C-alpha atoms as a PDB file:
ATOM      1  CA  MET A   1      -7.617 -41.515 -70.254  1.00  0.00           C
ATOM      2  CA  THR A   2      -6.818 -45.426 -69.947  1.00  0.00           C
ATOM      3  CA  MET A   3      -9.462 -47.830 -69.313  1.00  0.00           C
ATOM      4  CA  LEU A   4      -8.647 -50.928 -67.186  1.00  0.00           C
ATOM      5  CA  LYS A   5      -9.681 -54.066 -68.636  1.00  0.00           C
ATOM      6  CA  PRO A   6     -11.796 -56.355 -66.364  1.00  0.00           C
ATOM      7  CA  LYS A   7      -8.590 -58.655 -65.641  1.00  0.00           C
ATOM      8  CA  SER A   8      -6.776 -55.672 -64.409  1.00  0.00           C
ATOM      9  CA  HIS A   9      -9.463 -54.918 -61.875  1.00  0.00           C
ATOM     10  CA  CYS A  10      -9.299 -58.485 -60.489  1.00  0.00           C
ATOM     11  CA  ILE A  11      -5.469 -58.330 -60.144  1.00  0.00           C
ATOM     12  CA  LEU A  12      -5.616 -54.894 -58.485  1.00  0.00           C
ATOM     13  CA  PHE A  13      -8.215 -56.167 -55.987  1.00  0.00           C
ATOM     14  CA  LEU A  14      -6.101 -59.410 -55.418  1.00  0.00           C
ATOM     15  CA  PHE A  15      -3.089 -57.183 -54.630  1.00  0.00           C
ATOM     16  CA  LEU A  16      -4.949 -55.039 -52.496  1.00  0.00           C
ATOM     17  CA  PHE A  17      -6.475 -58.199 -50.696  1.00  0.00           C
ATOM     18  CA  ASN A  18      -3.126 -59.718 -50.180  1.00  0.00           C
ATOM     19  CA  PHE A  19      -1.524 -56.752 -48.762  1.00  0.00           C
ATOM     20  CA  THR A  20      -4.397 -56.027 -46.382  1.00  0.00           C
ATOM     21  CA  PHE A  21      -4.052 -59.714 -45.170  1.00  0.00           C
ATOM     22  CA  ILE A  22      -0.290 -59.822 -44.929  1.00  0.00           C
ATOM     23  CA  GLN A  23      -0.200 -56.662 -42.796  1.00  0.00           C
ATOM     24  CA  ALA A  24      -2.795 -58.017 -40.279  1.00  0.00           C
ATOM     25  CA  GLN A  25      -0.914 -61.312 -40.313  1.00  0.00           C
ATOM     26  CA  GLN A  26       2.320 -59.666 -39.520  1.00  0.00           C
ATOM     27  CA  LEU A  27       1.050 -58.558 -35.806  1.00  0.00           C
ATOM     28  CA  SER A  28       0.399 -62.322 -35.448  1.00  0.00           C
ATOM     29  CA  GLY A  29       2.962 -64.657 -34.214  1.00  0.00           C
ATOM     30  CA  PRO A  30       5.894 -62.957 -32.126  1.00  0.00           C
ATOM     31  CA  ARG A  31       5.355 -61.962 -28.497  1.00  0.00           C
ATOM     32  CA  TRP A  32       6.043 -58.265 -28.388  1.00  0.00           C
ATOM     33  CA  ILE A  33       7.693 -57.030 -25.238  1.00  0.00           C
ATOM     34  CA  LEU A  34       7.018 -53.235 -24.135  1.00  0.00           C
ATOM     35  CA  MET A  35      10.318 -51.356 -24.299  1.00  0.00           C
ATOM     36  CA  SER A  36       9.179 -47.849 -23.651  1.00  0.00           C
ATOM     37  CA  ILE A  37       6.028 -45.321 -23.701  1.00  0.00           C
ATOM     38  CA  ASP A  38       7.341 -42.183 -25.411  1.00  0.00           C
ATOM     39  CA  ASN A  39       5.520 -38.770 -25.189  1.00  0.00           C
ATOM     40  CA  LEU A  40       5.627 -37.499 -28.698  1.00  0.00           C
ATOM     41  CA  GLU A  41       4.792 -34.078 -27.618  1.00  0.00           C
ATOM     42  CA  THR A  42       7.259 -33.417 -24.833  1.00  0.00           C
ATOM     43  CA  GLY A  43      10.016 -35.768 -26.092  1.00  0.00           C
ATOM     44  CA  VAL A  44      10.075 -37.566 -22.618  1.00  0.00           C
ATOM     45  CA  VAL A  45      10.631 -41.412 -22.968  1.00  0.00           C
ATOM     46  CA  LYS A  46       9.730 -43.866 -19.944  1.00  0.00           C
ATOM     47  CA  VAL A  47      11.809 -46.693 -20.421  1.00  0.00           C
ATOM     48  CA  ILE A  48      10.285 -49.966 -19.126  1.00  0.00           C
ATOM     49  CA  GLY A  49      12.602 -51.410 -16.497  1.00  0.00           C
ATOM     50  CA  GLU A  50      14.472 -54.947 -16.277  1.00  0.00           C
ATOM     51  CA  HIS A  51      12.006 -56.046 -13.475  1.00  0.00           C
ATOM     52  CA  VAL A  52       8.968 -55.113 -15.332  1.00  0.00           C
ATOM     53  CA  ARG A  53       8.001 -57.226 -18.224  1.00  0.00           C
ATOM     54  CA  ALA A  54       4.973 -56.270 -20.368  1.00  0.00           C
ATOM     55  CA  GLU A  55       3.879 -58.861 -23.220  1.00  0.00           C
ATOM     56  CA  LEU A  56       1.672 -58.579 -25.973  1.00  0.00           C
ATOM     57  CA  TRP A  57       0.731 -60.966 -28.905  1.00  0.00           C
ATOM     58  CA  PHE A  58      -2.003 -61.189 -31.354  1.00  0.00           C
ATOM     59  CA  GLU A  59      -4.152 -64.294 -32.272  1.00  0.00           C
ATOM     60  CA  GLY A  60      -5.315 -63.787 -35.788  1.00  0.00           C
ATOM     61  CA  ASP A  61      -6.449 -60.319 -36.804  1.00  0.00           C
ATOM     62  CA  SER A  62      -9.171 -59.619 -34.241  1.00  0.00           C
ATOM     63  CA  VAL A  63      -7.872 -60.735 -30.763  1.00  0.00           C
ATOM     64  CA  TYR A  64      -4.817 -59.419 -28.625  1.00  0.00           C
ATOM     65  CA  LYS A  65      -3.673 -60.888 -25.537  1.00  0.00           C
ATOM     66  CA  GLY A  66      -0.788 -60.133 -23.287  1.00  0.00           C
ATOM     67  CA  GLN A  67       0.665 -60.384 -19.490  1.00  0.00           C
ATOM     68  CA  PHE A  68       1.721 -57.830 -17.418  1.00  0.00           C
ATOM     69  CA  CYS A  69       0.841 -58.052 -13.465  1.00  0.00           C
ATOM     70  CA  ASN A  70      -2.244 -59.553 -14.653  1.00  0.00           C
ATOM     71  CA  PRO A  71      -3.114 -61.750 -17.920  1.00  0.00           C
ATOM     72  CA  TYR A  72      -5.201 -59.653 -20.259  1.00  0.00           C
ATOM     73  CA  GLN A  73      -7.113 -59.905 -23.567  1.00  0.00           C
ATOM     74  CA  GLY A  74      -8.904 -57.642 -25.819  1.00  0.00           C
ATOM     75  CA  LYS A  75     -10.357 -57.143 -29.492  1.00  0.00           C
ATOM     76  CA  ILE A  76      -8.341 -55.461 -32.199  1.00  0.00           C
ATOM     77  CA  LYS A  77      -9.373 -54.239 -35.504  1.00  0.00           C
ATOM     78  CA  VAL A  78      -6.725 -53.636 -38.175  1.00  0.00           C
ATOM     79  CA  ASN A  79      -7.259 -51.625 -41.425  1.00  0.00           C
ATOM     80  CA  GLN A  80      -5.376 -51.524 -44.560  1.00  0.00           C
ATOM     81  CA  ASP A  81      -4.247 -47.991 -43.711  1.00  0.00           C
ATOM     82  CA  PHE A  82      -2.360 -49.238 -40.531  1.00  0.00           C
ATOM     83  CA  THR A  83      -4.984 -47.656 -38.429  1.00  0.00           C
ATOM     84  CA  CYS A  84      -6.399 -49.919 -35.762  1.00  0.00           C
ATOM     85  CA  GLN A  85      -8.413 -49.915 -32.647  1.00  0.00           C
ATOM     86  CA  LEU A  86      -7.996 -51.895 -29.424  1.00  0.00           C
ATOM     87  CA  SER A  87     -10.780 -52.414 -26.948  1.00  0.00           C
ATOM     88  CA  THR A  88     -10.224 -51.950 -23.340  1.00  0.00           C
ATOM     89  CA  PRO A  89      -8.639 -55.294 -22.189  1.00  0.00           C
ATOM     90  CA  ILE A  90     -10.333 -57.758 -19.873  1.00  0.00           C
ATOM     91  CA  THR A  91      -7.988 -58.728 -17.179  1.00  0.00           C
ATOM     92  CA  GLY A  92      -7.895 -60.094 -13.619  1.00  0.00           C
ATOM     93  CA  LYS A  93      -7.822 -57.924 -10.450  1.00  0.00           C
ATOM     94  CA  ARG A  94      -4.677 -59.121  -8.793  1.00  0.00           C
ATOM     95  CA  LYS A  95      -2.867 -56.229  -7.022  1.00  0.00           C
ATOM     96  CA  CYS A  96       0.703 -55.793  -7.835  1.00  0.00           C
ATOM     97  CA  MET A  97       3.138 -54.291  -5.657  1.00  0.00           C
ATOM     98  CA  GLY A  98       4.431 -51.210  -7.271  1.00  0.00           C
ATOM     99  CA  PHE A  99       3.128 -51.881 -10.757  1.00  0.00           C
ATOM    100  CA  SER A 100      -0.847 -51.560 -10.674  1.00  0.00           C
ATOM    101  CA  ASP A 101      -0.789 -47.983 -11.690  1.00  0.00           C
ATOM    102  CA  VAL A 102       1.767 -48.666 -14.635  1.00  0.00           C
ATOM    103  CA  GLU A 103      -0.567 -51.444 -15.644  1.00  0.00           C
ATOM    104  CA  THR A 104      -3.719 -49.297 -15.484  1.00  0.00           C
ATOM    105  CA  ASP A 105      -1.770 -46.688 -17.419  1.00  0.00           C
ATOM    106  CA  LEU A 106      -0.983 -49.133 -20.201  1.00  0.00           C
ATOM    107  CA  PHE A 107      -4.501 -50.406 -20.404  1.00  0.00           C
ATOM    108  CA  LYS A 108      -5.684 -46.912 -20.829  1.00  0.00           C
ATOM    109  CA  LEU A 109      -3.232 -46.067 -23.637  1.00  0.00           C
ATOM    110  CA  TYR A 110      -4.485 -49.627 -25.388  1.00  0.00           C
ATOM    111  CA  ASN A 111      -7.792 -48.028 -25.571  1.00  0.00           C
ATOM    112  CA  LEU A 112      -6.564 -44.910 -27.285  1.00  0.00           C
ATOM    113  CA  VAL A 113      -4.362 -46.628 -29.837  1.00  0.00           C
ATOM    114  CA  ASN A 114      -5.309 -45.622 -33.358  1.00  0.00           C
ATOM    115  CA  LYS A 115      -2.239 -46.400 -35.589  1.00  0.00           C
ATOM    116  CA  TYR A 116       0.513 -48.878 -35.861  1.00  0.00           C
ATOM    117  CA  LYS A 117       3.796 -49.193 -37.658  1.00  0.00           C
ATOM    118  CA  MET A 118       6.128 -52.082 -37.733  1.00  0.00           C
ATOM    119  CA  LYS A 119       9.996 -51.587 -38.711  1.00  0.00           C
ATOM    120  CA  GLY A 120      12.340 -54.700 -38.360  1.00  0.00           C
ATOM    121  CA  GLN A 121      11.835 -56.242 -35.001  1.00  0.00           C
ATOM    122  CA  LEU A 122       9.901 -53.205 -33.530  1.00  0.00           C
ATOM    123  CA  LEU A 123       6.019 -52.467 -33.386  1.00  0.00           C
ATOM    124  CA  TYR A 124       5.042 -49.088 -32.748  1.00  0.00           C
ATOM    125  CA  LEU A 125       1.495 -48.457 -31.393  1.00  0.00           C
ATOM    126  CA  PHE A 126       0.377 -44.565 -31.511  1.00  0.00           C
ATOM    127  CA  THR A 127      -2.297 -43.052 -29.607  1.00  0.00           C
ATOM    128  CA  SER A 128      -4.818 -40.329 -30.136  1.00  0.00           C
ATOM    129  CA  ASP A 129      -3.087 -38.463 -27.138  1.00  0.00           C
ATOM    130  CA  LYS A 130       0.383 -38.383 -28.949  1.00  0.00           C
ATOM    131  CA  LYS A 131       1.771 -41.195 -27.026  1.00  0.00           C
ATOM    132  CA  ARG A 132       3.898 -44.114 -28.706  1.00  0.00           C
ATOM    133  CA  LEU A 133       4.183 -47.715 -27.235  1.00  0.00           C
ATOM    134  CA  VAL A 134       7.321 -49.159 -28.468  1.00  0.00           C
ATOM    135  CA  PHE A 135       7.445 -52.870 -28.440  1.00  0.00           C
ATOM    136  CA  LYS A 136      10.365 -55.340 -29.583  1.00  0.00           C
ATOM    137  CA  SER A 137       9.603 -58.979 -30.859  1.00  0.00           C
ATOM    138  CA  GLU A 138      10.888 -61.527 -28.576  1.00  0.00           C
ATOM    139  CA  PRO A 139      13.137 -64.019 -30.444  1.00  0.00           C
END
């Protein structure tokens, strides 16, 4: 059995702290554009059309904001194991011809998000009901 010296504990703690901080900060910065909503159980992919633009961005590691038909914002809690929770977003009440149902569905999915993954320019938000929201970072 190998015993860690006190310095080793500090280094390990700093590594884990920095890793957690870096992961949370990666979400901040770019605007993310919703590309699709995938049903992981059925394999059905709902591609978001060219005329519909749903944006999402993160401010620090506790607030998310976005714009679909209406601007919205909510709270996010990010954990070091890539789990996360998004609160139900607060939004305006403007009706949008043909998009209100899609926006309402998107907000319901945000509330079910429990995990995220980043790969290149893509952000994946996974929900507890086996859906995946796929976002691409805006240049």
